[in-house]
Protein backbone atom coordinates (compact mmCIF):
# COMPACT_ATOMS: atom_id res chain seq x y z
CA MET A 1 0.03 0.06 0.15
CA ARG A 2 1.60 3.66 -1.47
CA VAL A 3 0.76 5.93 0.67
CA VAL A 4 1.13 9.95 1.42
CA ILE A 5 1.72 11.65 4.44
CA ALA A 6 0.94 15.43 4.82
CA GLU A 7 1.94 16.83 8.57
CA ASP A 8 4.26 20.00 9.07
CA LEU A 9 5.58 18.72 12.31
CA PHE A 10 8.26 17.27 12.06
CA LEU A 11 8.18 14.55 14.87
CA LEU A 12 4.83 13.38 14.51
CA ARG A 13 5.93 12.78 10.44
CA ASP A 14 8.13 10.95 10.93
CA GLY A 15 6.94 8.64 13.96
CA LEU A 16 3.81 8.52 11.02
CA THR A 17 6.07 7.27 8.82
CA ARG A 18 7.60 5.16 10.74
CA THR A 19 4.86 3.75 12.26
CA LEU A 20 3.45 2.98 8.28
CA ARG A 21 6.64 0.99 7.38
CA GLU A 22 6.87 -0.91 10.50
CA HIS A 23 3.43 -2.38 9.63
CA GLY A 24 3.90 -2.75 6.05
CA CYS A 25 3.34 0.31 3.93
CA GLU A 26 5.55 2.10 1.99
CA VAL A 27 5.60 5.94 2.47
CA VAL A 28 6.07 7.34 -1.07
CA ALA A 29 6.24 10.99 -0.26
CA ALA A 30 6.64 12.66 3.45
CA VAL A 31 5.65 16.64 3.23
CA ASP A 32 4.63 19.53 5.21
CA ASN A 33 2.35 21.89 2.98
CA ALA A 34 -0.25 21.91 0.64
CA PRO A 35 1.10 22.77 -2.28
CA ALA A 36 4.29 19.97 -1.58
CA LEU A 37 1.10 17.76 -0.68
CA LEU A 38 -0.72 18.53 -3.74
CA ARG A 39 2.37 17.69 -6.04
CA ALA A 40 2.99 14.53 -4.29
CA LEU A 41 -0.78 13.54 -4.96
CA ARG A 42 -0.37 13.97 -8.81
CA ASP A 43 2.99 12.48 -9.38
CA GLU A 44 2.96 9.74 -6.96
CA GLU A 45 -0.64 8.41 -7.88
CA PRO A 46 -0.42 6.49 -3.76
CA ASP A 47 -3.47 4.20 -2.73
CA VAL A 48 -3.65 6.36 0.24
CA ALA A 49 -3.46 9.93 1.95
CA VAL A 50 -2.59 10.98 5.34
CA VAL A 51 -2.97 14.63 6.23
CA ASP A 52 -3.24 17.44 8.80
CA ILE A 53 -5.74 19.50 8.36
CA ARG A 54 -3.86 22.62 9.32
CA LEU A 55 -0.43 23.53 7.53
CA PRO A 56 1.18 26.58 6.38
CA PRO A 57 1.00 29.04 6.36
CA THR A 58 -1.80 29.85 7.66
CA PHE A 59 -2.81 26.71 9.45
CA THR A 60 -6.45 26.89 8.87
CA ASP A 61 -7.50 24.22 6.30
CA GLU A 62 -4.79 23.60 3.66
CA GLY A 63 -4.21 20.33 4.36
CA LEU A 64 -8.23 19.59 4.10
CA GLN A 65 -8.41 22.03 0.68
CA ALA A 66 -5.72 20.28 -0.92
CA ALA A 67 -6.74 16.51 0.00
CA LEU A 68 -10.71 18.15 -1.94
CA GLU A 69 -8.83 19.14 -4.42
CA ALA A 70 -6.79 16.51 -4.71
CA ARG A 71 -9.81 14.18 -5.17
CA ARG A 72 -12.03 16.29 -7.73
CA THR A 73 -8.94 15.24 -9.96
CA ARG A 74 -9.01 11.93 -9.25
CA PRO A 75 -12.53 11.15 -7.36
CA GLY A 76 -12.31 8.24 -5.19
CA LEU A 77 -8.82 9.23 -3.76
CA PRO A 78 -8.75 7.98 -0.33
CA ILE A 79 -8.53 10.63 2.46
CA LEU A 80 -7.55 10.00 6.41
CA ILE A 81 -7.84 13.28 7.65
CA LEU A 82 -5.91 14.03 10.95
CA SER A 83 -7.38 17.04 13.48
CA GLN A 84 -6.10 18.09 17.31
CA TYR A 85 -9.93 19.05 17.39
CA VAL A 86 -13.33 18.05 16.44
CA ASP A 87 -14.68 20.23 14.42
CA GLN A 88 -18.17 19.24 12.57
CA LEU A 89 -17.77 21.33 10.14
CA TYR A 90 -14.42 20.06 8.21
CA ALA A 91 -16.56 16.18 8.91
CA GLN A 92 -19.31 17.93 6.79
CA GLU A 93 -17.01 19.49 4.16
CA LEU A 94 -15.05 16.18 3.78
CA LEU A 95 -18.36 14.40 3.52
CA ALA A 96 -20.37 16.66 1.03
CA GLY A 97 -19.23 14.35 -2.02
CA GLY A 98 -20.89 11.95 -1.05
CA GLU A 99 -18.47 9.27 -1.49
CA GLY A 100 -16.59 6.46 0.60
CA ALA A 101 -12.31 6.18 1.18
CA ILE A 102 -12.74 9.04 3.18
CA GLY A 103 -11.41 9.36 7.20
CA TYR A 104 -11.55 11.66 9.81
CA LEU A 105 -9.10 11.08 13.06
CA LEU A 106 -8.29 12.65 15.74
CA LYS A 107 -4.04 13.21 15.97
CA ASP A 108 -4.61 11.33 19.76
CA ARG A 109 -5.84 8.13 18.00
CA VAL A 110 -2.05 8.18 16.31
CA THR A 111 -0.94 7.21 19.80
CA HIS A 112 -3.12 3.67 19.34
CA THR A 113 -0.94 2.27 16.48
CA ALA A 114 -3.17 -0.90 15.80
CA GLN A 115 -6.33 1.45 15.67
CA PHE A 116 -4.09 4.04 13.43
CA VAL A 117 -2.70 1.50 11.12
CA ASP A 118 -6.76 -0.23 10.21
CA ALA A 119 -8.08 3.43 10.00
CA VAL A 120 -5.38 3.89 6.98
CA ARG A 121 -6.08 0.56 5.11
CA THR A 122 -10.03 0.55 5.91
CA VAL A 123 -10.71 4.22 4.23
CA ALA A 124 -7.86 2.87 1.22
CA GLY A 125 -9.79 -0.03 0.92
CA GLY A 126 -13.02 2.58 0.32
CA GLY A 127 -14.28 2.40 3.33
CA THR A 128 -15.04 5.03 5.88
CA VAL A 129 -13.85 5.82 9.39
CA MET A 130 -14.78 8.40 12.00
CA ASP A 131 -13.28 9.74 15.20
CA PRO A 132 -16.26 8.40 17.64
CA GLN A 133 -15.80 12.03 19.48
CA VAL A 134 -17.31 13.76 15.55
CA ILE A 135 -19.64 11.43 15.38
CA ALA A 136 -20.85 11.88 19.00
CA LYS A 137 -21.16 15.64 17.89
CA LEU A 138 -23.04 14.97 14.73
CA LEU A 139 -25.58 13.02 16.51
CA ALA A 140 -25.67 15.45 19.52
CA ARG A 141 -26.25 17.65 17.29
CA SER A 142 -28.73 16.10 14.82
CA ASP A 143 -30.55 15.31 18.44
CA ALA A 144 -30.95 19.27 18.93
CA ARG A 145 -33.35 18.75 15.75
CA GLY A 146 -35.29 15.88 16.56
CA THR A 147 -33.79 13.77 13.94
CA THR A 148 -32.54 11.28 15.32
CA ALA A 149 -35.05 11.15 19.20
CA ALA A 150 -36.52 8.74 17.89
CA LEU A 151 -34.27 6.07 18.03
CA SER A 152 -33.79 3.46 20.60
CA PRO A 153 -30.78 4.29 23.20
CA ARG A 154 -29.42 0.31 21.46
CA GLU A 155 -29.99 2.19 17.93
CA HIS A 156 -28.63 5.04 19.01
CA GLU A 157 -25.45 2.84 19.85
CA VAL A 158 -25.61 0.31 16.32
CA LEU A 159 -25.86 4.08 14.20
CA GLU A 160 -22.69 5.31 16.24
CA LEU A 161 -20.62 1.97 15.20
CA MET A 162 -22.19 1.99 11.90
CA ALA A 163 -20.58 5.56 11.96
CA GLU A 164 -17.50 5.15 13.05
CA GLY A 165 -17.64 2.17 9.98
CA ARG A 166 -18.07 -0.93 11.80
CA SER A 167 -19.22 -4.10 10.00
CA ASN A 168 -21.88 -5.60 11.53
CA ALA A 169 -19.90 -8.14 12.90
CA ALA A 170 -18.06 -5.56 15.03
CA ILE A 171 -21.07 -4.40 15.98
CA MET A 172 -22.13 -7.65 17.31
CA ASN A 173 -18.72 -7.87 19.20
CA ALA A 174 -18.86 -4.75 20.99
CA LEU A 175 -22.49 -4.91 22.25
CA HIS A 176 -22.48 -8.62 22.62
CA ILE A 177 -25.48 -9.16 20.52
CA GLY A 178 -26.00 -11.11 18.03
CA GLU A 179 -26.37 -11.27 13.91
CA SER A 180 -30.43 -11.05 14.15
CA ALA A 181 -30.11 -7.59 16.61
CA VAL A 182 -27.96 -6.56 14.77
CA ALA A 183 -30.14 -6.88 11.11
CA LYS A 184 -33.57 -5.46 13.15
CA HIS A 185 -31.06 -2.60 14.88
CA THR A 186 -29.97 -1.83 11.65
CA ALA A 187 -33.93 -1.75 9.90
CA GLY A 188 -34.92 0.42 12.26
CA ILE A 189 -32.56 2.97 12.13
CA PHE A 190 -33.09 3.00 8.35
CA ALA A 191 -36.75 3.54 8.89
CA LYS A 192 -36.89 5.59 11.27
CA LEU A 193 -34.22 8.29 10.00
CA GLY A 194 -36.51 7.57 6.41
CA ILE A 195 -33.38 5.92 4.51
CA GLU A 196 -33.43 2.74 2.27
CA ALA A 197 -31.30 0.25 3.40
CA SER A 198 -28.21 -0.44 1.80
CA ALA A 199 -25.98 -4.46 1.99
CA ASP A 200 -22.97 -1.84 1.40
CA ASP A 201 -21.58 -0.76 4.90
CA ASN A 202 -19.89 2.08 3.57
CA ARG A 203 -22.49 3.60 1.36
CA ARG A 204 -25.28 2.70 5.09
CA VAL A 205 -22.49 4.73 7.10
CA LEU A 206 -22.49 7.91 4.77
CA ALA A 207 -25.91 7.72 3.89
CA VAL A 208 -26.20 7.97 7.44
CA LEU A 209 -24.30 10.79 7.92
CA ALA A 210 -24.80 12.55 5.10
CA TYR A 211 -28.43 12.43 6.84
CA LEU A 212 -27.78 14.23 9.61
CA LYS A 213 -25.53 16.24 8.82
CA ARG A 214 -28.55 18.57 6.14
C-alpha cells in the first residue's frame, strides 16, 4: 500500500512514517505543506493520503482543501484526515461529496498504533472511518433538531458504531448481541431516519452521516 503523508510537525510526520513502514506500508512521500501535498498526490498516485487539516502558511484548513482539490482531480482518492480538534464543519465538508474512502481521526488516535493503521487500511480499501468524538458531536447536533430522537437507546448505539465504519460483525462483538439483533436495529434505524437500507456497509454509513449533517 502506497501512502502519502502531509504533516507540518517533523516529529509526528517522522513517527507516522515509521509506524506505517513498520506495518508493511510504502510511504512514497512525507511533506509539510499543501502545495507539496498536491504535487505528491499527482506524481506518486498513492493508494491513500494521511493529511493534517492545518498546514502552513495560515494553519487553518489548507490540508483539507488540498485533499478535496486532489479528490476533484482524482475522484475517490482515499483520504484520512487528522485533526487536533473536533470540528463538525470540517467533517461535513469532507463528507459532502457522498463518496467513500474517507476518514477523520483526532491526532490522539495516532498513539494507538493498531487503531491508526487499521484506519489507514480501511480508508485505502474504500471504507469510511470517523472518530467517535466527531460522531458524538454530529449525533448531538442532529438530536437537538429531533432527527434521531425517535431512535431507541440501542439503535443510537448501533448508529454510532455504524458511523464509525464498523461492520455488522464488529457491532455484534462491541454490543454483545446476535446477528439478528444487529439486522433488526439497523432496519429500525433506516426506517426511522427515512433512509433506504443497503447491503453496502460503506454506502450505509455515508447515507446516515449525510442525513445527520443536513
